[in-house]
Structure formats: C-alpha cells, structure tokens
Amino acid sequence: MLGHGTARGVLLGPQSLLEGDFVGARLAHAHLRGRKPGRGLTVDQRTGELINVQIPETVLDGNDTTG
C-alpha cells in the first residue's frame, strides 16, 4: 500500500522500510533487496505510485573552478 505524499526526492539505496517516508511512500521488503546500481525509487506526483527511475552516471570534471 502506497501513500500519496507531497514529498519529492529519489531513494538511491534504501536500507530501511522507514526511508520511504522521505519521498512520501511506504516501502516493501522487495524494494530493499536486489537494488541495481544506477536505479532509484521516487513517487509519481500525479498518482502517488512508487516508480523505478534510471539515474545516469555523472563524472565531474576535475578542472571545475566554480567551487
């Protein structure tokens, strides 16, 4: 059962069922097992449904002088 929350974000490696509260959803044990690298969990803002999303690998340029 999923909650229809207003929280936004992506869970990259949830370790606890309670971490679903960060995005406004209830996690099941299946969401904690077998997570693939480069995948995250978020909530569809229209339906409140928990969905898998792909996160692209990002390599930061070591010559960045803006920071």
N, C-alpha and C. Protein backbone atom coordinates (compact mmCIF):
# COMPACT_ATOMS: atom_id res chain seq x y z
N MET A 1 0.84 -1.18 0.00
CA MET A 1 0.00 0.00 0.00
C MET A 1 0.89 1.24 0.00
N LEU A 2 0.63 2.16 -0.89
CA LEU A 2 1.45 3.36 -1.02
C LEU A 2 0.67 4.58 -0.56
N GLY A 3 1.38 5.48 0.08
CA GLY A 3 0.76 6.72 0.50
C GLY A 3 0.89 7.77 -0.58
N HIS A 4 -0.04 8.69 -0.65
CA HIS A 4 0.01 9.76 -1.64
C HIS A 4 0.58 10.99 -0.95
N GLY A 5 1.92 11.09 -0.95
CA GLY A 5 2.58 12.17 -0.24
C GLY A 5 2.93 13.32 -1.16
N THR A 6 3.40 14.41 -0.56
CA THR A 6 3.81 15.57 -1.32
C THR A 6 5.32 15.73 -1.32
N ALA A 7 6.04 14.82 -0.66
CA ALA A 7 7.49 14.89 -0.61
C ALA A 7 8.06 14.57 -1.98
N ARG A 8 9.22 15.15 -2.27
CA ARG A 8 9.91 14.89 -3.53
C ARG A 8 11.31 14.42 -3.24
N GLY A 9 11.83 13.59 -4.12
CA GLY A 9 13.18 13.11 -3.98
C GLY A 9 13.32 11.75 -4.61
N VAL A 10 14.53 11.20 -4.51
CA VAL A 10 14.84 9.89 -5.06
C VAL A 10 15.60 9.11 -4.00
N LEU A 11 15.16 7.89 -3.76
CA LEU A 11 15.89 6.99 -2.86
C LEU A 11 16.85 6.18 -3.70
N LEU A 12 18.15 6.29 -3.43
CA LEU A 12 19.14 5.59 -4.23
C LEU A 12 19.51 4.24 -3.66
N GLY A 13 19.52 4.09 -2.37
CA GLY A 13 19.89 2.82 -1.76
C GLY A 13 19.22 2.65 -0.42
N PRO A 14 17.89 2.55 -0.40
CA PRO A 14 17.19 2.46 0.89
C PRO A 14 17.64 1.22 1.66
N GLN A 15 17.88 1.38 2.96
CA GLN A 15 18.29 0.30 3.83
C GLN A 15 17.20 -0.09 4.81
N SER A 16 16.16 0.74 4.92
CA SER A 16 15.10 0.53 5.90
C SER A 16 13.75 0.84 5.27
N LEU A 17 12.72 0.14 5.71
CA LEU A 17 11.37 0.40 5.22
C LEU A 17 10.92 1.83 5.53
N LEU A 18 11.43 2.37 6.62
CA LEU A 18 11.03 3.72 7.04
C LEU A 18 11.56 4.82 6.12
N GLU A 19 12.56 4.51 5.32
CA GLU A 19 13.12 5.53 4.42
C GLU A 19 12.13 5.96 3.34
N GLY A 20 11.09 5.20 3.10
CA GLY A 20 10.06 5.60 2.16
C GLY A 20 9.37 6.88 2.57
N ASP A 21 9.40 7.19 3.88
CA ASP A 21 8.80 8.42 4.37
C ASP A 21 9.44 9.66 3.75
N PHE A 22 10.72 9.55 3.35
CA PHE A 22 11.41 10.69 2.75
C PHE A 22 10.78 11.13 1.43
N VAL A 23 10.18 10.19 0.71
CA VAL A 23 9.54 10.51 -0.56
C VAL A 23 8.03 10.39 -0.51
N GLY A 24 7.49 10.08 0.66
CA GLY A 24 6.04 10.02 0.82
C GLY A 24 5.43 8.70 0.39
N ALA A 25 6.17 7.60 0.53
CA ALA A 25 5.67 6.28 0.12
C ALA A 25 5.99 5.25 1.18
N ARG A 26 5.28 4.15 1.13
CA ARG A 26 5.55 3.02 2.02
C ARG A 26 6.32 1.98 1.22
N LEU A 27 7.50 1.61 1.70
CA LEU A 27 8.32 0.62 1.02
C LEU A 27 7.97 -0.79 1.49
N ALA A 28 8.16 -1.75 0.61
CA ALA A 28 8.02 -3.17 0.95
C ALA A 28 9.43 -3.76 1.01
N HIS A 29 9.55 -4.94 1.63
CA HIS A 29 10.86 -5.59 1.72
C HIS A 29 11.48 -5.81 0.34
N ALA A 30 10.65 -6.06 -0.66
CA ALA A 30 11.16 -6.28 -2.02
C ALA A 30 11.88 -5.05 -2.57
N HIS A 31 11.53 -3.85 -2.10
CA HIS A 31 12.19 -2.63 -2.55
C HIS A 31 13.60 -2.52 -2.00
N LEU A 32 13.90 -3.24 -0.92
CA LEU A 32 15.21 -3.16 -0.29
C LEU A 32 16.19 -4.19 -0.86
N ARG A 33 15.67 -5.26 -1.43
CA ARG A 33 16.51 -6.35 -1.92
C ARG A 33 16.82 -6.17 -3.40
N GLY A 34 18.04 -6.52 -3.77
CA GLY A 34 18.40 -6.59 -5.18
C GLY A 34 18.37 -5.28 -5.93
N ARG A 35 18.69 -4.19 -5.26
CA ARG A 35 18.71 -2.89 -5.94
C ARG A 35 19.86 -2.87 -6.94
N LYS A 36 19.59 -2.41 -8.14
CA LYS A 36 20.60 -2.33 -9.18
C LYS A 36 21.28 -0.96 -9.14
N PRO A 37 22.59 -0.92 -9.36
CA PRO A 37 23.28 0.38 -9.44
C PRO A 37 22.69 1.22 -10.56
N GLY A 38 22.60 2.50 -10.33
CA GLY A 38 22.07 3.40 -11.34
C GLY A 38 20.55 3.48 -11.36
N ARG A 39 19.90 2.87 -10.36
CA ARG A 39 18.44 2.92 -10.27
C ARG A 39 18.03 3.55 -8.95
N GLY A 40 16.91 4.23 -8.95
CA GLY A 40 16.38 4.83 -7.75
C GLY A 40 14.88 4.66 -7.68
N LEU A 41 14.32 5.02 -6.54
CA LEU A 41 12.88 4.97 -6.33
C LEU A 41 12.38 6.38 -6.06
N THR A 42 11.27 6.73 -6.69
CA THR A 42 10.64 8.01 -6.44
C THR A 42 9.13 7.83 -6.55
N VAL A 43 8.39 8.86 -6.27
CA VAL A 43 6.93 8.80 -6.29
C VAL A 43 6.40 9.66 -7.43
N ASP A 44 5.51 9.08 -8.22
CA ASP A 44 4.82 9.84 -9.27
C ASP A 44 3.93 10.87 -8.58
N GLN A 45 4.14 12.13 -8.86
CA GLN A 45 3.41 13.20 -8.18
C GLN A 45 1.92 13.22 -8.52
N ARG A 46 1.53 12.66 -9.66
CA ARG A 46 0.12 12.65 -10.04
C ARG A 46 -0.64 11.51 -9.38
N THR A 47 -0.01 10.32 -9.35
CA THR A 47 -0.73 9.13 -8.87
C THR A 47 -0.34 8.69 -7.47
N GLY A 48 0.83 9.12 -6.99
CA GLY A 48 1.31 8.67 -5.70
C GLY A 48 1.95 7.30 -5.74
N GLU A 49 2.12 6.76 -6.95
CA GLU A 49 2.68 5.42 -7.14
C GLU A 49 4.21 5.47 -7.06
N LEU A 50 4.78 4.49 -6.38
CA LEU A 50 6.23 4.36 -6.29
C LEU A 50 6.75 3.81 -7.62
N ILE A 51 7.75 4.49 -8.21
CA ILE A 51 8.26 4.08 -9.51
C ILE A 51 9.79 3.98 -9.47
N ASN A 52 10.34 3.10 -10.32
CA ASN A 52 11.78 2.98 -10.51
C ASN A 52 12.21 3.99 -11.56
N VAL A 53 13.33 4.65 -11.32
CA VAL A 53 13.88 5.58 -12.30
C VAL A 53 15.35 5.25 -12.51
N GLN A 54 15.84 5.55 -13.71
CA GLN A 54 17.25 5.36 -14.02
C GLN A 54 17.98 6.66 -13.77
N ILE A 55 19.10 6.58 -13.06
CA ILE A 55 19.93 7.75 -12.77
C ILE A 55 21.19 7.64 -13.62
N PRO A 56 21.43 8.59 -14.51
CA PRO A 56 22.62 8.50 -15.37
C PRO A 56 23.90 8.69 -14.56
N GLU A 57 24.95 7.97 -14.94
CA GLU A 57 26.24 8.14 -14.29
C GLU A 57 26.80 9.50 -14.66
N THR A 58 27.26 10.23 -13.69
CA THR A 58 27.80 11.57 -13.92
C THR A 58 29.24 11.60 -13.42
N VAL A 59 30.13 12.02 -14.27
CA VAL A 59 31.54 12.18 -13.91
C VAL A 59 31.82 13.67 -13.86
N LEU A 60 32.24 14.12 -12.70
CA LEU A 60 32.55 15.54 -12.55
C LEU A 60 33.93 15.85 -13.10
N ASP A 61 34.07 16.98 -13.76
CA ASP A 61 35.33 17.42 -14.32
C ASP A 61 36.22 17.90 -13.19
N GLY A 62 37.40 17.37 -13.09
CA GLY A 62 38.34 17.75 -12.03
C GLY A 62 38.88 19.16 -12.19
N ASN A 63 38.66 19.80 -13.34
CA ASN A 63 39.16 21.16 -13.59
C ASN A 63 38.13 22.23 -13.32
N ASP A 64 37.05 21.88 -12.62
CA ASP A 64 35.99 22.83 -12.34
C ASP A 64 36.50 23.90 -11.37
N THR A 65 36.44 25.16 -11.77
CA THR A 65 36.93 26.25 -10.92
C THR A 65 35.82 27.08 -10.32
N THR A 66 34.57 26.61 -10.43
CA THR A 66 33.44 27.40 -9.92
C THR A 66 33.22 27.18 -8.43
N GLY A 67 33.83 26.17 -7.82
CA GLY A 67 33.56 25.83 -6.43
C GLY A 67 34.54 26.37 -5.52
